[in-house]
Amino acid sequence: MSFDLVIKDGTLVTATSTYQADIGIEGESIAAVGQNLAGDEEVDAAGKLVIPGAVDIHVHMQMPIGDFISADDFFTGTKAAALGGTTSIVDFVEPGAQQNMVDALNERRALADARVVIDYGLHMTIGPQEIAKLDQVPAAYDAGCGSFKLYMAYGLRLEDGQLLRAFEAIREVNGLPVVHAENWDVISTLMARNLAAGNISPHWHPRSRPALFEGEAVSRVVKLASYAGTRAHIFHVTCDDAVQEIADARRRGLPISGETCPQYLLLTQDVYDAPGVEGALPVCSPPIRSQEEQDALWRALGDGSLQVVTTDHCPFSSSEKRTGLHDFSKIPGGVPSVESRLAAIYTFGVRRGRLTANQWVAACCTTPAELAGFARKGKILAGYDADLVIFDPEKGITLSTQTLHENVDWTPYDQIELRGWPETTISRGKIIVEEGEFRGQAGQGRFVARRFA
């Protein structure tokens, strides 16, 4: 039998095993995994790793945040993702005050559908104004929003009673709550105190958001979710206090999961002490923390206390970051990471012995797909979408704005050297990146309706 496309002679790395095999692709799906397969088109992967396409379940493309819109739109952001080996993302919907959830979903899809290069899903945000709309959760779920974003910070913050009601509504449809866990009352108090004392520089950003109270917020999420009888996923974990709350919950058999991000694994809070706008660029929330916290996050990935690496990709230009130089609380928060995530975790995780190659694939590809409800992604199995990456473990790259493709004039990883980089990216059977060159086009990605059994 001849397949449409065959990936030949690669070393297949999955979340559970590593072995030599060919992959036969028919149309958009993996049709066979075996030896000596033949295809109308064949790609030589000898000496390379072949892994499932990476899945990033936490990104913000062309997302309005305050007075700004994140710099990557759905085309530039998904193109950068594809060049970095990511074949699926999950972004966000934020309904307007009087807007129906499904109408907001359709409006967001209208922005994305014609631009996306890779497949995508959307989390439905439940802010304070959505508490009166909780009867719309089933319709949003049926429309493909299998997950719902809940904030414990900013203007979208839910009070504990509102969190409980949201958890209960999401439980009724078997959806997944995903939570930004911080203690906003403490943060607001500390920010005001620091600004009043003249502490206005980015140095004070992490010192206004203590790790202790990130852990406290995660503890509240665990208790509320447990009481409501629902699972929950904790976004962008930055510290050991939060890790320990998640690990303890999992030891007790509670369905709680957690993620961290490259900025917390590669950088320390010293970045906020750089002069001028350089110190403002890496501002994100929760903040980048100490070396000790970074070490704890790597240990948590290695021992399974944290399950996923995402990016929280949300870039703003240096000129937009500059607007908060005289008041750190006004710096638009977010960093670009969507292109470098997969390779960075390989270099600093696998190559440094912190993770096995299988753990790397689990954290960046398989577990996020399973967790978010991508039923046909994240594995190299017959019947799954042919989302695949041929990864060259020896290719070196120095990260910079010249080598990366995100639509922003800076990178927090400038001059960091990686060894290992995606060579070829395949999305539903189509080669969209070939030998590092983009071959895709806007609109070829699809919205994936995500639901849970």
Protein backbone atom coordinates (compact mmCIF):
# COMPACT_ATOMS: atom_id res chain seq x y z
CA MET A 1 0.00 0.00 0.00
CA SER A 2 1.19 3.49 -0.86
CA PHE A 3 0.26 6.38 1.43
CA ASP A 4 -0.12 10.04 0.51
CA LEU A 5 2.87 10.96 2.67
CA VAL A 6 5.34 8.88 4.65
CA ILE A 7 7.78 10.09 7.30
CA LYS A 8 10.70 7.67 6.91
CA ASP A 9 13.28 6.30 9.31
CA GLY A 10 12.76 8.72 12.18
CA THR A 11 13.07 8.12 15.90
CA LEU A 12 9.50 8.41 17.16
CA VAL A 13 9.25 9.97 20.61
CA THR A 14 5.88 9.81 22.37
CA ALA A 15 4.84 10.49 25.94
CA THR A 16 5.44 6.84 26.80
CA SER A 17 8.00 5.32 24.41
CA THR A 18 10.82 5.90 21.94
CA TYR A 19 11.32 3.68 18.87
CA GLN A 20 12.26 3.62 15.18
CA ALA A 21 9.35 3.56 12.72
CA ASP A 22 7.79 5.11 9.64
CA ILE A 23 4.51 7.04 9.72
CA GLY A 24 2.02 6.69 6.86
CA ILE A 25 -0.41 9.58 6.31
CA GLU A 26 -3.63 9.45 4.31
CA GLY A 27 -5.38 12.76 3.81
CA GLU A 28 -5.44 14.54 7.16
CA SER A 29 -4.89 11.52 9.40
CA ILE A 30 -2.22 9.10 10.51
CA ALA A 31 -3.07 5.84 8.75
CA ALA A 32 -0.24 3.57 9.89
CA VAL A 33 2.86 3.40 12.06
CA GLY A 34 5.25 0.64 11.01
CA GLN A 35 8.30 -0.45 9.09
CA ASN A 36 9.19 -0.01 5.41
CA LEU A 37 6.13 2.09 4.53
CA ALA A 38 5.97 3.66 1.07
CA GLY A 39 4.31 6.89 0.02
CA ASP A 40 3.60 9.09 -2.99
CA GLU A 41 5.70 11.64 -1.11
CA GLU A 42 8.37 10.64 1.39
CA VAL A 43 10.24 12.75 3.92
CA ASP A 44 13.54 11.46 5.26
CA ALA A 45 13.69 11.80 9.06
CA ALA A 46 16.82 9.71 9.64
CA GLY A 47 18.76 11.05 12.59
CA LYS A 48 15.81 13.20 13.66
CA LEU A 49 13.13 12.92 16.32
CA VAL A 50 9.53 12.65 15.17
CA ILE A 51 7.03 13.83 17.76
CA PRO A 52 3.34 14.78 17.90
CA GLY A 53 2.70 18.42 17.03
CA ALA A 54 3.05 20.57 20.12
CA VAL A 55 -0.13 21.92 21.74
CA ASP A 56 -0.18 25.28 23.55
CA ILE A 57 -3.40 25.68 25.52
CA HIS A 58 -2.71 29.20 26.80
CA VAL A 59 -2.16 32.01 24.28
CA HIS A 60 -3.54 35.51 23.67
CA MET A 61 -3.59 36.54 19.99
CA GLN A 62 -4.87 40.02 19.05
CA MET A 63 -6.37 40.20 22.51
CA PRO A 64 -7.63 43.57 23.78
CA ILE A 65 -6.16 44.20 27.22
CA GLY A 66 -6.80 47.64 28.67
CA ASP A 67 -5.72 50.28 26.16
CA PHE A 68 -3.68 47.81 24.12
CA ILE A 69 -4.09 44.82 21.81
CA SER A 70 -1.52 42.03 21.95
CA ALA A 71 0.94 42.39 19.09
CA ASP A 72 0.49 39.01 17.40
CA ASP A 73 -2.71 38.58 15.42
CA PHE A 74 -4.09 35.17 14.57
CA PHE A 75 -1.88 34.94 11.47
CA THR A 76 1.47 36.15 12.79
CA GLY A 77 1.01 34.31 16.08
CA THR A 78 0.06 30.97 14.59
CA LYS A 79 2.76 31.27 11.92
CA ALA A 80 5.35 31.75 14.68
CA ALA A 81 3.81 28.83 16.56
CA ALA A 82 4.09 26.58 13.49
CA LEU A 83 7.72 27.58 12.94
CA GLY A 84 8.35 26.51 16.54
CA GLY A 85 6.63 23.13 16.13
CA THR A 86 3.24 23.98 17.63
CA THR A 87 0.25 22.68 15.65
CA SER A 88 -2.66 23.60 17.96
CA ILE A 89 -3.42 26.46 20.35
CA VAL A 90 -6.22 27.52 22.66
CA ASP A 91 -7.00 31.24 22.84
CA PHE A 92 -9.78 33.11 24.67
CA VAL A 93 -13.22 34.66 24.29
CA GLU A 94 -14.25 37.57 26.51
CA PRO A 95 -17.97 38.39 26.11
CA GLY A 96 -19.13 41.98 26.23
CA ALA A 97 -21.25 43.17 29.13
CA GLN A 98 -24.55 42.50 27.38
CA GLN A 99 -23.26 39.88 24.96
CA ASN A 100 -24.41 36.29 24.80
CA MET A 101 -21.56 33.78 25.24
CA VAL A 102 -22.21 32.02 21.92
CA ASP A 103 -22.42 35.36 20.10
CA ALA A 104 -19.06 36.31 21.63
CA LEU A 105 -17.63 32.97 20.51
CA ASN A 106 -18.83 33.52 16.96
CA GLU A 107 -17.39 37.04 16.95
CA ARG A 108 -14.00 35.78 18.10
CA ARG A 109 -14.07 32.98 15.53
CA ALA A 110 -14.79 35.55 12.82
CA LEU A 111 -11.45 37.18 13.69
CA ALA A 112 -9.54 33.92 13.76
CA ASP A 113 -10.94 31.60 11.09
CA ALA A 114 -9.55 33.41 8.05
CA ARG A 115 -6.14 33.99 9.67
CA VAL A 116 -5.09 30.89 11.57
CA VAL A 117 -2.35 28.72 10.11
CA ILE A 118 -2.88 25.88 12.60
CA ASP A 119 -5.88 24.45 14.42
CA TYR A 120 -7.24 26.25 17.46
CA GLY A 121 -9.77 26.20 20.24
CA LEU A 122 -11.14 28.88 22.56
CA HIS A 123 -11.62 29.13 26.30
CA MET A 124 -14.80 30.98 27.33
CA THR A 125 -14.06 33.64 29.95
CA ILE A 126 -16.43 33.93 32.89
CA GLY A 127 -15.97 37.31 34.55
CA PRO A 128 -18.21 39.02 37.11
CA GLN A 129 -20.71 40.07 34.43
CA GLU A 130 -21.03 36.45 33.27
CA ILE A 131 -22.21 35.25 36.68
CA ALA A 132 -25.69 36.39 35.64
CA LYS A 133 -25.24 34.41 32.40
CA LEU A 134 -24.29 31.05 33.86
CA ASP A 135 -27.37 29.54 32.25
CA GLN A 136 -25.52 30.10 28.93
CA VAL A 137 -22.66 27.76 29.88
CA PRO A 138 -24.34 24.67 28.31
CA ALA A 139 -24.79 26.47 24.97
CA ALA A 140 -21.16 27.65 25.00
CA TYR A 141 -20.02 24.11 25.76
CA ASP A 142 -22.18 22.68 22.97
CA ALA A 143 -20.68 25.28 20.60
CA GLY A 144 -17.21 23.89 21.25
CA CYS A 145 -15.87 25.78 24.28
CA GLY A 146 -14.96 22.82 26.44
CA SER A 147 -13.01 24.99 28.89
CA PHE A 148 -13.83 28.16 30.84
CA LYS A 149 -11.38 30.80 32.11
CA LEU A 150 -11.81 32.13 35.64
CA TYR A 151 -9.74 35.01 37.02
CA MET A 152 -8.83 35.80 40.61
CA ALA A 153 -7.18 39.07 39.56
CA TYR A 154 -7.83 42.28 37.60
CA GLY A 155 -11.25 43.60 36.63
CA LEU A 156 -12.29 40.09 35.67
CA ARG A 157 -11.71 38.85 39.23
CA LEU A 158 -14.34 36.58 40.69
CA GLU A 159 -14.99 36.62 44.41
CA ASP A 160 -15.00 33.25 46.13
CA GLY A 161 -18.78 32.86 46.04
CA GLN A 162 -18.77 33.67 42.33
CA LEU A 163 -15.97 31.16 41.76
CA LEU A 164 -18.04 28.52 43.49
CA ARG A 165 -21.08 29.26 41.32
CA ALA A 166 -18.93 29.20 38.18
CA PHE A 167 -17.35 25.89 39.18
CA GLU A 168 -20.78 24.38 39.73
CA ALA A 169 -22.07 25.58 36.34
CA ILE A 170 -19.00 24.20 34.56
CA ARG A 171 -19.31 20.91 36.45
CA GLU A 172 -22.84 20.44 35.13
CA VAL A 173 -21.56 20.27 31.52
CA ASN A 174 -18.37 18.39 32.44
CA GLY A 175 -16.28 21.31 31.23
CA LEU A 176 -12.79 22.23 32.40
CA PRO A 177 -12.27 25.34 34.58
CA VAL A 178 -8.88 26.99 33.94
CA VAL A 179 -7.87 29.49 36.60
CA HIS A 180 -5.57 32.48 37.00
CA ALA A 181 -4.82 32.10 40.72
CA GLU A 182 -3.55 35.12 42.66
CA ASN A 183 -4.76 37.07 45.71
CA TRP A 184 -5.88 40.35 44.20
CA ASP A 185 -6.71 42.02 47.52
CA VAL A 186 -3.15 41.51 48.74
CA ILE A 187 -1.67 42.52 45.37
CA SER A 188 -3.72 45.73 45.22
CA THR A 189 -2.66 46.65 48.76
CA LEU A 190 1.03 46.04 48.08
CA MET A 191 1.00 47.86 44.73
CA ALA A 192 -0.63 50.91 46.30
CA ARG A 193 1.82 50.83 49.22
CA ASN A 194 4.85 50.61 46.96
CA LEU A 195 3.69 53.35 44.60
CA ALA A 196 2.91 55.65 47.54
CA ALA A 197 6.46 55.10 48.79
CA GLY A 198 7.89 56.06 45.39
CA ASN A 199 8.71 52.48 44.43
CA ILE A 200 7.65 52.85 40.81
CA SER A 201 10.13 50.78 38.77
CA PRO A 202 9.60 47.22 37.45
CA HIS A 203 11.79 45.98 40.31
CA TRP A 204 8.69 46.26 42.50
CA HIS A 205 6.46 44.17 40.24
CA PRO A 206 7.36 40.75 41.73
CA ARG A 207 7.58 42.29 45.20
CA SER A 208 3.92 43.30 44.95
CA ARG A 209 2.81 39.77 44.03
CA PRO A 210 4.32 37.47 46.67
CA ALA A 211 4.71 33.77 45.97
CA LEU A 212 3.12 33.02 49.34
CA PHE A 213 -0.19 34.44 48.17
CA GLU A 214 -0.09 32.72 44.80
CA GLY A 215 0.08 29.51 46.82
CA GLU A 216 -2.79 30.71 49.01
CA ALA A 217 -4.92 31.43 45.95
CA VAL A 218 -4.21 27.96 44.53
CA SER A 219 -5.23 26.49 47.88
CA ARG A 220 -8.57 28.28 47.62
CA VAL A 221 -9.07 26.99 44.06
CA VAL A 222 -8.43 23.43 45.21
CA LYS A 223 -10.91 23.74 48.08
CA LEU A 224 -13.62 25.42 46.02
CA ALA A 225 -13.26 23.00 43.12
CA SER A 226 -13.31 20.04 45.50
CA TYR A 227 -16.43 21.34 47.23
CA ALA A 228 -18.11 21.91 43.87
CA GLY A 229 -17.10 18.45 42.67
CA THR A 230 -15.19 19.59 39.59
CA ARG A 231 -11.68 19.25 38.23
CA ALA A 232 -9.60 22.41 37.71
CA HIS A 233 -6.44 23.43 35.88
CA ILE A 234 -4.14 26.11 37.30
CA PHE A 235 -2.57 28.46 34.78
CA HIS A 236 1.02 29.82 34.83
CA VAL A 237 2.35 28.43 38.11
CA THR A 238 5.49 30.32 39.20
CA CYS A 239 6.45 29.11 42.66
CA ASP A 240 6.90 26.17 44.99
CA ASP A 241 4.04 27.27 47.26
CA ALA A 242 1.61 26.78 44.37
CA VAL A 243 3.31 23.56 43.27
CA GLN A 244 2.93 22.05 46.73
CA GLU A 245 -0.79 22.85 46.83
CA ILE A 246 -1.28 21.11 43.47
CA ALA A 247 0.90 18.16 44.42
CA ASP A 248 -0.94 17.71 47.72
CA ALA A 249 -4.30 17.83 45.96
CA ARG A 250 -3.18 15.19 43.47
CA ARG A 251 -1.85 12.94 46.24
CA ARG A 252 -5.34 13.08 47.74
CA GLY A 253 -6.80 11.98 44.42
CA LEU A 254 -8.27 15.35 43.45
CA PRO A 255 -8.43 16.12 39.69
CA ILE A 256 -6.23 19.23 39.83
CA SER A 257 -3.54 19.95 37.23
CA GLY A 258 -1.04 22.73 36.74
CA GLU A 259 1.17 24.32 34.13
CA THR A 260 4.17 26.58 34.03
CA CYS A 261 5.72 28.62 31.20
CA PRO A 262 9.16 29.15 29.61
CA GLN A 263 9.65 32.60 31.15
CA TYR A 264 9.48 31.05 34.62
CA LEU A 265 11.84 28.22 33.65
CA LEU A 266 14.50 30.25 31.83
CA LEU A 267 14.55 33.67 33.53
CA THR A 268 14.75 35.06 37.07
CA GLN A 269 13.35 38.22 38.61
CA ASP A 270 16.69 39.94 38.08
CA VAL A 271 15.36 40.80 34.61
CA TYR A 272 13.20 43.48 36.24
CA ASP A 273 16.31 45.33 37.42
CA ALA A 274 17.55 46.11 33.90
CA PRO A 275 17.64 49.86 33.22
CA GLY A 276 14.93 51.71 31.33
CA VAL A 277 12.44 49.86 29.20
CA GLU A 278 14.52 46.67 29.35
CA GLY A 279 13.28 46.09 32.88
CA ALA A 280 9.68 46.66 31.82
CA LEU A 281 9.71 44.26 28.87
CA PRO A 282 9.48 40.99 30.86
CA VAL A 283 6.62 42.19 33.10
CA CYS A 284 3.99 39.45 33.19
CA SER A 285 1.67 38.14 35.85
CA PRO A 286 2.24 36.21 37.96
CA PRO A 287 5.79 37.56 37.85
CA ILE A 288 9.05 35.85 37.05
CA ARG A 289 10.57 34.87 40.39
CA SER A 290 13.86 33.83 42.02
CA GLN A 291 16.33 31.16 40.98
CA GLU A 292 15.09 29.00 43.87
CA GLU A 293 11.54 29.13 42.52
CA GLN A 294 12.76 28.32 39.02
CA ASP A 295 14.60 25.28 40.34
CA ALA A 296 11.43 24.15 42.12
CA LEU A 297 9.43 24.39 38.89
CA TRP A 298 11.92 22.19 37.03
CA ARG A 299 11.74 19.64 39.85
CA ALA A 300 7.94 19.74 39.68
CA LEU A 301 7.96 18.99 35.95
CA GLY A 302 10.40 16.17 36.51
CA ASP A 303 8.44 14.52 39.32
CA GLY A 304 5.00 15.08 37.79
CA SER A 305 3.74 17.70 40.26
CA LEU A 306 3.23 19.97 37.24
CA GLN A 307 1.94 18.38 34.06
CA VAL A 308 2.10 20.95 31.26
CA VAL A 309 4.28 23.71 29.79
CA THR A 310 2.32 26.44 27.99
CA THR A 311 3.35 29.99 27.11
CA ASP A 312 0.69 32.53 28.14
CA HIS A 313 1.93 34.16 24.92
CA CYS A 314 0.80 37.80 25.07
CA PRO A 315 3.34 40.18 23.51
CA PHE A 316 3.34 43.96 23.48
CA SER A 317 5.79 46.25 21.72
CA SER A 318 8.60 47.95 23.58
CA SER A 319 6.89 51.32 23.07
CA GLU A 320 3.73 49.97 24.72
CA LYS A 321 5.75 48.55 27.59
CA ARG A 322 7.45 51.93 27.99
CA THR A 323 4.14 53.55 28.99
CA GLY A 324 4.49 52.10 32.48
CA LEU A 325 8.05 53.13 33.22
CA HIS A 326 6.91 55.57 35.91
CA ASP A 327 4.28 53.25 37.37
CA PHE A 328 5.01 49.52 37.18
CA SER A 329 1.33 48.72 37.72
CA LYS A 330 0.51 50.24 34.32
CA ILE A 331 2.97 48.16 32.27
CA PRO A 332 0.93 45.90 29.94
CA GLY A 333 1.73 42.38 31.12
CA GLY A 334 2.82 39.60 28.83
CA VAL A 335 5.78 38.11 26.97
CA PRO A 336 6.27 36.34 23.62
CA SER A 337 7.14 32.64 23.88
CA VAL A 338 4.98 30.74 21.39
CA GLU A 339 7.78 29.99 18.93
CA SER A 340 10.57 29.02 21.31
CA ARG A 341 8.65 26.92 23.89
CA LEU A 342 9.15 23.44 22.43
CA ALA A 343 12.86 23.82 21.67
CA ALA A 344 13.63 25.70 24.88
CA ILE A 345 12.17 22.93 27.02
CA TYR A 346 14.18 20.40 25.01
CA THR A 347 17.44 22.31 25.53
CA PHE A 348 17.01 23.24 29.18
CA GLY A 349 14.96 20.19 30.16
CA VAL A 350 16.05 17.15 28.17
CA ARG A 351 19.63 18.13 27.39
CA ARG A 352 20.28 19.15 30.99
CA GLY A 353 18.86 15.92 32.36
CA ARG A 354 15.87 17.52 34.11
CA LEU A 355 13.35 15.74 31.88
CA THR A 356 13.37 12.64 29.72
CA ALA A 357 12.49 13.07 26.06
CA ASN A 358 9.19 11.33 26.80
CA GLN A 359 8.40 13.80 29.61
CA TRP A 360 9.17 16.64 27.20
CA VAL A 361 6.64 15.31 24.70
CA ALA A 362 4.11 14.70 27.45
CA ALA A 363 4.40 18.25 28.83
CA CYS A 364 4.41 20.07 25.49
CA CYS A 365 2.26 17.85 23.26
CA THR A 366 0.28 14.95 24.69
CA THR A 367 -0.93 16.06 28.11
CA PRO A 368 -2.12 19.51 27.00
CA ALA A 369 -4.07 17.91 24.14
CA GLU A 370 -5.72 15.44 26.50
CA LEU A 371 -6.35 18.02 29.19
CA ALA A 372 -7.98 20.53 26.86
CA GLY A 373 -10.15 18.01 25.02
CA PHE A 374 -8.36 17.76 21.66
CA ALA A 375 -9.56 14.22 21.02
CA ARG A 376 -7.48 13.59 17.86
CA LYS A 377 -4.26 15.39 18.72
CA GLY A 378 -1.14 14.87 20.78
CA LYS A 379 -0.38 11.23 19.90
CA ILE A 380 1.23 9.27 17.07
CA LEU A 381 -1.52 6.71 16.53
CA ALA A 382 -3.59 5.58 13.57
CA GLY A 383 -6.76 7.65 13.39
CA TYR A 384 -5.25 10.73 15.00
CA ASP A 385 -4.73 13.97 13.10
CA ALA A 386 -1.45 13.96 11.19
CA ASP A 387 -0.02 16.80 13.30
CA LEU A 388 3.68 15.95 13.47
CA VAL A 389 7.04 17.60 13.96
CA ILE A 390 10.42 16.44 12.69
CA PHE A 391 12.82 17.79 15.31
CA ASP A 392 16.55 18.09 14.71
CA PRO A 393 18.18 17.49 18.11
CA GLU A 394 21.51 18.88 16.94
CA LYS A 395 20.41 22.08 15.23
CA GLY A 396 21.70 25.14 17.04
CA ILE A 397 19.94 28.49 17.15
CA THR A 398 20.56 31.74 19.00
CA LEU A 399 17.26 33.34 19.92
CA SER A 400 16.80 36.94 18.83
CA THR A 401 14.34 39.12 16.94
CA GLN A 402 16.26 38.13 13.81
CA THR A 403 15.75 34.39 14.29
CA LEU A 404 12.21 34.46 15.76
CA HIS A 405 9.04 35.45 13.93
CA GLU A 406 6.71 36.83 16.59
CA ASN A 407 5.33 40.26 15.67
CA VAL A 408 7.23 42.18 18.31
CA ASP A 409 10.50 44.11 18.45
CA TRP A 410 12.04 42.24 21.40
CA THR A 411 12.30 38.81 22.97
CA PRO A 412 12.89 37.98 26.64
CA TYR A 413 15.23 35.21 25.48
CA ASP A 414 17.60 37.40 23.46
CA GLN A 415 20.95 35.66 22.81
CA ILE A 416 19.94 32.45 24.61
CA GLU A 417 21.46 29.54 22.70
CA LEU A 418 19.39 26.43 22.05
CA ARG A 419 20.50 23.08 20.70
CA GLY A 420 17.58 21.29 19.07
CA TRP A 421 15.00 22.94 16.82
CA PRO A 422 11.98 21.90 14.69
CA GLU A 423 12.88 21.26 11.07
CA THR A 424 9.49 20.30 9.61
CA THR A 425 5.95 20.92 10.88
CA ILE A 426 2.98 19.00 9.50
CA SER A 427 -0.60 20.09 10.22
CA ARG A 428 -3.35 17.60 9.36
CA GLY A 429 -1.13 15.97 6.74
CA LYS A 430 0.11 19.20 5.12
CA ILE A 431 3.70 20.31 5.40
CA ILE A 432 3.48 23.91 6.62
CA VAL A 433 7.12 24.32 7.67
CA GLU A 434 9.85 22.62 5.63
CA GLU A 435 13.50 22.79 6.64
CA GLY A 436 12.71 25.86 8.71
CA GLU A 437 10.86 27.71 5.93
CA PHE A 438 7.19 28.59 6.28
CA ARG A 439 5.00 26.94 3.60
CA GLY A 440 1.56 27.44 5.12
CA GLN A 441 -1.12 29.98 4.49
CA ALA A 442 -3.67 31.98 6.44
CA GLY A 443 -6.99 30.25 6.95
CA GLN A 444 -5.84 26.66 6.65
CA GLY A 445 -6.20 26.11 10.39
CA ARG A 446 -9.59 25.15 11.82
CA PHE A 447 -11.60 25.78 14.94
CA VAL A 448 -11.78 22.55 16.92
CA ALA A 449 -14.86 22.02 19.04
CA ARG A 450 -13.62 20.52 22.30
CA ARG A 451 -15.84 18.42 24.53
CA PHE A 452 -15.27 15.74 27.15
CA ALA A 453 -16.70 12.27 27.45
